[in-house]
Amino acid sequence: MDMLRITDLHKRFGDKEVLCGLNLTVPEHSIYGFIGKNGAGKTTTMKTILGLLKADSGEIIVNGEKVVYGQTSTNQYIGYLPDVPEFYPFMTAPEYLRFCGEITGMKKAECDTRLKELLELVGLDDENHRIKGFSRGMKQRLGIAQALLNRPKLLICDEPTSALDPVGRKEILDILLTAREQTTVLFSTHILSDVERICTDVAFLNNGVVEIQGKLSDIKTKYRSEKYLLETENDADMRKLIQAFPPMKQIGRNQLTFCESVLSAFDVLRFVSNQHIALLKFERVEPTLESLFMEVTQK
């Protein structure tokens, strides 16, 4: 089942069209990386999903129900973490979550049980200080706990790791990975290493449309390179290979690359075996998200 489906979404601000027929499908219980440059329209898309912005045209379906601007009943299925979450600084983390539970109608016993689970999940169960003394990473973790309080079917996080140090980023990603057991996670980012670390599915947003989307493993297979990289143990063997196969290009110390459309990998390996050349490395160059992202955004 698809937890979120967006069809032909358009949104214009003045003379600038930010979303130009965006299509997006997010499977249930996936961790979905929504990738795009700053200003690509990621936040606009998320605010439109939440019914905070009115689309010019198109359709958004959350958990089988259509999103209608001004009548945000679909938000009962959604937990949301903005890029810069705001809190009441005089409260403690348990007090804030208890307050959120009260205004959403949770029963006290249920809320107390749930907030204990969530504070343990985000690593704030032993934190008794007021929120005004929290670091940026601690506030992000509390924001995730708040977003998960009502057991949403879809957790939306807008750039959750962009302003954090490496330790803080790892902590947030680990929490999102664990949260997948309870919900579907959609998070926007331009930090590609975060996506490769935890995402099952991805979408590349560029110029208001999704250029590539699907399972991360399928995308890497589809765009697999025909390029090979090999590394010899010494210079003499490297020169021997270049002499035998002129299309090979040197890209580093004792490192060569070639394309399978020009040279057969089997012919190269046969020559290596016959000449008793010692190889340290021989591998197909796998596509990286960075290379795909650069290809998409430079069109």
Protein backbone atom coordinates (compact mmCIF):
# COMPACT_ATOMS: atom_id res chain seq x y z
CA MET A 1 0.00 0.00 0.00
CA ASP A 2 1.13 3.56 -0.73
CA MET A 3 1.04 5.79 2.36
CA LEU A 4 1.42 8.95 0.26
CA ARG A 5 0.63 9.60 -3.38
CA ILE A 6 1.04 12.96 -5.12
CA THR A 7 -0.22 13.44 -8.67
CA ASP A 8 0.58 16.36 -11.01
CA LEU A 9 1.09 18.89 -8.21
CA HIS A 10 1.53 22.55 -9.20
CA LYS A 11 2.29 25.50 -6.94
CA ARG A 12 3.21 29.04 -7.96
CA PHE A 13 4.37 32.00 -5.88
CA GLY A 14 3.86 35.14 -7.97
CA ASP A 15 5.63 34.62 -11.29
CA LYS A 16 7.74 31.70 -9.99
CA GLU A 17 6.38 28.18 -10.41
CA VAL A 18 7.97 26.14 -7.62
CA LEU A 19 6.20 22.82 -8.27
CA CYS A 20 5.66 21.99 -11.94
CA GLY A 21 3.63 18.80 -12.07
CA LEU A 22 5.27 16.87 -9.24
CA ASN A 23 4.48 13.15 -8.95
CA LEU A 24 5.55 11.17 -5.88
CA THR A 25 4.68 7.76 -4.42
CA VAL A 26 5.78 6.77 -0.90
CA PRO A 27 5.26 3.09 0.04
CA GLU A 28 4.08 2.15 3.53
CA HIS A 29 6.84 1.49 6.12
CA SER A 30 9.56 2.89 3.86
CA ILE A 31 12.20 5.43 4.81
CA TYR A 32 11.89 7.82 1.91
CA GLY A 33 14.63 10.33 1.12
CA PHE A 34 13.29 13.43 -0.64
CA ILE A 35 16.44 14.88 -2.23
CA GLY A 36 16.91 18.30 -3.74
CA LYS A 37 19.04 21.42 -3.68
CA ASN A 38 18.17 24.26 -1.32
CA GLY A 39 15.19 26.05 -2.81
CA ALA A 40 14.15 23.09 -4.96
CA GLY A 41 10.63 22.97 -3.47
CA LYS A 42 10.99 20.30 -0.77
CA THR A 43 9.50 22.42 2.02
CA THR A 44 6.73 23.69 -0.27
CA THR A 45 5.79 20.09 -1.06
CA MET A 46 5.71 19.14 2.61
CA LYS A 47 3.60 22.14 3.62
CA THR A 48 1.16 21.34 0.84
CA ILE A 49 0.90 17.73 2.08
CA LEU A 50 0.07 19.15 5.52
CA GLY A 51 -2.60 21.43 4.09
CA LEU A 52 -0.69 24.54 5.17
CA LEU A 53 -0.36 25.70 1.56
CA LYS A 54 -3.02 25.50 -1.14
CA ALA A 55 -1.96 23.76 -4.34
CA ASP A 56 -2.80 25.45 -7.62
CA SER A 57 -3.70 22.05 -9.06
CA GLY A 58 -3.02 18.36 -8.54
CA GLU A 59 -3.97 15.77 -5.95
CA ILE A 60 -2.46 14.51 -2.69
CA ILE A 61 -3.63 11.29 -1.04
CA VAL A 62 -2.52 10.36 2.50
CA ASN A 63 -3.46 6.90 3.80
CA GLY A 64 -6.14 6.63 1.11
CA GLU A 65 -7.72 10.02 1.95
CA LYS A 66 -7.53 13.18 -0.16
CA VAL A 67 -5.82 16.25 1.32
CA VAL A 68 -8.12 19.29 1.23
CA TYR A 69 -6.72 22.74 2.02
CA GLY A 70 -8.49 24.26 5.03
CA GLN A 71 -9.96 20.91 6.06
CA THR A 72 -6.88 19.06 7.26
CA SER A 73 -8.49 15.85 8.52
CA THR A 74 -5.62 13.92 6.89
CA ASN A 75 -3.24 15.43 9.44
CA GLN A 76 -4.56 12.90 11.97
CA TYR A 77 -2.32 10.42 10.14
CA ILE A 78 0.77 12.67 10.09
CA GLY A 79 3.53 13.60 12.51
CA TYR A 80 5.62 16.61 11.46
CA LEU A 81 9.08 17.85 12.40
CA PRO A 82 9.90 21.25 10.82
CA ASP A 83 13.48 22.20 10.02
CA VAL A 84 13.63 24.49 13.08
CA PRO A 85 11.20 23.18 15.75
CA GLU A 86 10.02 25.63 18.41
CA PHE A 87 9.19 24.80 22.03
CA TYR A 88 8.15 26.46 25.28
CA PRO A 89 11.61 26.97 26.81
CA PHE A 90 10.39 26.95 30.44
CA MET A 91 9.09 23.37 30.16
CA THR A 92 10.94 20.09 30.61
CA ALA A 93 10.71 17.43 27.89
CA PRO A 94 8.08 15.35 29.78
CA GLU A 95 6.04 18.48 30.52
CA TYR A 96 6.07 19.51 26.87
CA LEU A 97 5.01 16.08 25.60
CA ARG A 98 2.30 15.87 28.26
CA PHE A 99 1.05 19.29 27.14
CA CYS A 100 0.96 18.11 23.49
CA GLY A 101 -0.96 15.02 24.55
CA GLU A 102 -3.54 17.11 26.40
CA ILE A 103 -4.27 19.44 23.48
CA THR A 104 -4.69 16.47 21.11
CA GLY A 105 -7.10 14.73 23.49
CA MET A 106 -4.93 11.85 24.70
CA LYS A 107 -5.93 10.25 27.99
CA LYS A 108 -3.47 10.98 30.80
CA ALA A 109 -2.50 7.36 31.46
CA GLU A 110 -1.98 6.69 27.75
CA CYS A 111 0.02 9.89 27.33
CA ASP A 112 2.28 9.14 30.32
CA THR A 113 3.03 5.66 28.99
CA ARG A 114 3.66 6.93 25.49
CA LEU A 115 5.93 9.81 26.49
CA LYS A 116 8.11 7.45 28.54
CA GLU A 117 8.48 5.17 25.49
CA LEU A 118 9.37 8.09 23.24
CA LEU A 119 11.80 9.81 25.59
CA GLU A 120 13.63 6.51 25.88
CA LEU A 121 13.58 6.11 22.08
CA VAL A 122 15.15 9.56 21.52
CA GLY A 123 17.57 9.31 24.44
CA LEU A 124 16.02 12.01 26.65
CA ASP A 125 14.57 9.77 29.35
CA ASP A 126 17.14 10.93 31.92
CA GLU A 127 17.05 14.61 30.91
CA ASN A 128 15.42 16.84 33.58
CA HIS A 129 16.63 20.28 32.46
CA ARG A 130 14.38 22.95 30.96
CA ILE A 131 14.19 22.99 27.16
CA LYS A 132 15.88 26.41 27.06
CA GLY A 133 19.13 24.63 27.94
CA PHE A 134 18.82 22.01 25.20
CA SER A 135 21.31 21.79 22.33
CA ARG A 136 20.10 21.84 18.70
CA GLY A 137 20.42 18.05 18.55
CA MET A 138 18.41 17.56 21.75
CA LYS A 139 15.66 19.79 20.37
CA GLN A 140 15.58 17.76 17.15
CA ARG A 141 15.23 14.57 19.19
CA LEU A 142 12.42 16.09 21.26
CA GLY A 143 10.76 17.23 18.03
CA ILE A 144 10.76 13.66 16.73
CA ALA A 145 9.26 12.43 20.01
CA GLN A 146 6.50 15.04 19.73
CA ALA A 147 5.84 14.11 16.09
CA LEU A 148 5.48 10.42 17.04
CA LEU A 149 3.32 11.02 20.11
CA ASN A 150 -0.01 10.15 18.48
CA ARG A 151 1.37 7.12 16.60
CA PRO A 152 1.17 8.69 13.12
CA LYS A 153 1.11 6.56 10.01
CA LEU A 154 3.40 9.05 8.23
CA LEU A 155 6.30 10.93 9.84
CA ILE A 156 7.44 13.97 7.82
CA CYS A 157 10.80 15.53 8.71
CA ASP A 158 12.06 18.67 6.95
CA GLU A 159 15.89 18.73 6.83
CA PRO A 160 16.20 16.99 10.23
CA THR A 161 20.01 16.78 10.21
CA SER A 162 21.12 19.84 8.23
CA ALA A 163 22.42 21.93 11.15
CA LEU A 164 23.83 19.11 13.28
CA ASP A 165 27.38 17.90 13.83
CA PRO A 166 28.30 14.33 12.75
CA VAL A 167 27.43 12.85 16.16
CA GLY A 168 24.06 14.61 16.23
CA ARG A 169 23.28 13.54 12.67
CA LYS A 170 24.02 9.91 13.49
CA GLU A 171 21.74 10.05 16.54
CA ILE A 172 18.83 11.46 14.53
CA LEU A 173 19.30 8.95 11.70
CA ASP A 174 19.38 6.06 14.17
CA ILE A 175 16.09 7.30 15.65
CA LEU A 176 14.46 7.53 12.20
CA LEU A 177 15.68 4.03 11.40
CA THR A 178 14.06 2.71 14.57
CA ALA A 179 10.87 4.73 13.95
CA ARG A 180 10.31 2.83 10.69
CA GLU A 181 8.99 -0.07 12.78
CA GLN A 182 6.07 2.16 13.82
CA THR A 183 5.49 4.42 10.82
CA THR A 184 6.43 5.48 7.30
CA VAL A 185 9.20 8.11 7.25
CA LEU A 186 9.54 10.86 4.64
CA PHE A 187 12.42 13.24 5.15
CA SER A 188 13.83 15.96 2.95
CA THR A 189 17.55 16.54 2.72
CA HIS A 190 20.46 17.60 0.57
CA ILE A 191 22.94 15.49 2.60
CA LEU A 192 23.35 12.46 0.36
CA SER A 193 25.34 10.36 2.83
CA ASP A 194 22.35 10.44 5.21
CA VAL A 195 20.12 9.04 2.46
CA GLU A 196 22.54 6.23 1.57
CA ARG A 197 22.81 5.27 5.22
CA ILE A 198 19.14 4.66 6.08
CA CYS A 199 16.79 5.11 3.10
CA THR A 200 14.91 2.32 1.36
CA ASP A 201 13.47 4.65 -1.31
CA VAL A 202 14.46 8.02 -2.79
CA ALA A 203 13.20 10.78 -5.06
CA PHE A 204 15.30 13.45 -6.79
CA LEU A 205 13.51 16.81 -7.01
CA ASN A 206 14.75 19.25 -9.65
CA ASN A 207 13.09 22.29 -11.21
CA GLY A 208 9.77 21.48 -9.57
CA VAL A 209 9.47 17.88 -10.77
CA VAL A 210 10.67 14.51 -9.56
CA GLU A 211 13.28 13.34 -12.06
CA ILE A 212 14.06 9.93 -10.51
CA GLN A 213 12.24 7.95 -7.83
CA GLY A 214 12.00 4.39 -6.56
CA LYS A 215 13.78 1.88 -4.38
CA LEU A 216 17.38 2.89 -3.79
CA SER A 217 18.67 -0.58 -4.71
CA ASP A 218 16.68 -0.59 -7.98
CA ILE A 219 17.91 2.88 -8.94
CA LYS A 220 21.54 1.89 -8.38
CA THR A 221 21.01 -1.22 -10.51
CA LYS A 222 19.26 0.71 -13.29
CA TYR A 223 21.98 3.35 -13.49
CA ARG A 224 24.86 0.94 -13.00
CA SER A 225 27.96 2.13 -14.77
CA GLU A 226 29.76 0.15 -17.49
CA LYS A 227 33.02 1.53 -16.13
CA TYR A 228 35.60 -0.67 -14.38
CA LEU A 229 38.40 0.28 -12.02
CA LEU A 230 41.55 -1.76 -11.51
CA GLU A 231 44.66 -1.21 -9.43
CA THR A 232 47.98 -2.95 -9.94
CA GLU A 233 50.66 -3.68 -7.37
CA ASN A 234 53.39 -1.82 -9.25
CA ASP A 235 54.06 0.68 -12.03
CA ALA A 236 55.52 -1.88 -14.42
CA ASP A 237 52.30 -3.91 -14.49
CA MET A 238 50.24 -0.76 -14.96
CA ARG A 239 52.32 0.27 -17.98
CA LYS A 240 52.04 -3.26 -19.39
CA LEU A 241 48.24 -3.02 -19.25
CA ILE A 242 48.17 0.43 -20.87
CA GLN A 243 50.40 -0.85 -23.70
CA ALA A 244 48.17 -3.88 -24.26
CA PHE A 245 44.91 -1.92 -23.94
CA PRO A 246 45.36 1.71 -25.13
CA PRO A 247 41.73 2.71 -24.28
CA MET A 248 42.57 2.33 -20.58
CA LYS A 249 43.04 5.60 -18.73
CA GLN A 250 45.22 6.20 -15.70
CA ILE A 251 43.31 7.97 -12.91
CA GLY A 252 45.69 7.55 -9.99
CA ARG A 253 48.85 5.85 -8.82
CA ASN A 254 48.73 2.35 -10.37
CA GLN A 255 44.99 2.87 -10.99
CA LEU A 256 43.33 2.41 -14.38
CA THR A 257 39.78 2.67 -15.64
CA PHE A 258 38.03 1.46 -18.80
CA CYS A 259 34.52 1.12 -20.23
CA GLU A 260 33.05 -2.27 -21.04
CA SER A 261 31.63 -0.91 -24.30
CA VAL A 262 35.22 -0.42 -25.49
CA LEU A 263 37.06 -3.25 -23.73
CA SER A 264 35.85 -6.66 -22.58
CA ALA A 265 36.39 -7.25 -18.86
CA PHE A 266 37.01 -10.93 -19.65
CA ASP A 267 39.76 -10.04 -22.13
CA VAL A 268 41.42 -7.84 -19.53
CA LEU A 269 41.24 -10.55 -16.87
CA ARG A 270 42.59 -13.16 -19.31
CA PHE A 271 45.59 -10.92 -20.06
CA VAL A 272 46.14 -10.30 -16.34
CA SER A 273 46.14 -14.04 -15.71
CA ASN A 274 48.44 -14.87 -18.61
CA GLN A 275 50.93 -12.15 -17.70
CA HIS A 276 50.79 -12.98 -13.96
CA ILE A 277 49.93 -9.39 -13.09
CA ALA A 278 49.24 -8.83 -9.41
CA LEU A 279 46.00 -6.88 -8.95
CA LEU A 280 45.04 -5.10 -5.75
CA LYS A 281 41.60 -4.17 -7.05
CA PHE A 282 39.27 -5.01 -9.94
CA GLU A 283 35.69 -3.78 -9.65
CA ARG A 284 32.75 -2.32 -11.50
CA VAL A 285 32.24 1.32 -10.56
CA GLU A 286 28.88 1.53 -8.78
CA PRO A 287 26.83 4.72 -9.24
CA THR A 288 26.72 6.98 -6.20
CA LEU A 289 23.85 9.20 -5.16
CA GLU A 290 26.21 12.12 -5.63
CA SER A 291 26.87 11.24 -9.27
CA LEU A 292 23.14 10.69 -9.94
CA PHE A 293 22.24 13.93 -8.16
CA MET A 294 24.78 15.91 -10.17
CA GLU A 295 23.48 14.36 -13.39
CA VAL A 296 19.89 15.27 -12.53
CA THR A 297 20.53 18.82 -11.30
CA GLN A 298 22.81 19.77 -14.22
CA LYS A 299 20.29 18.92 -16.91
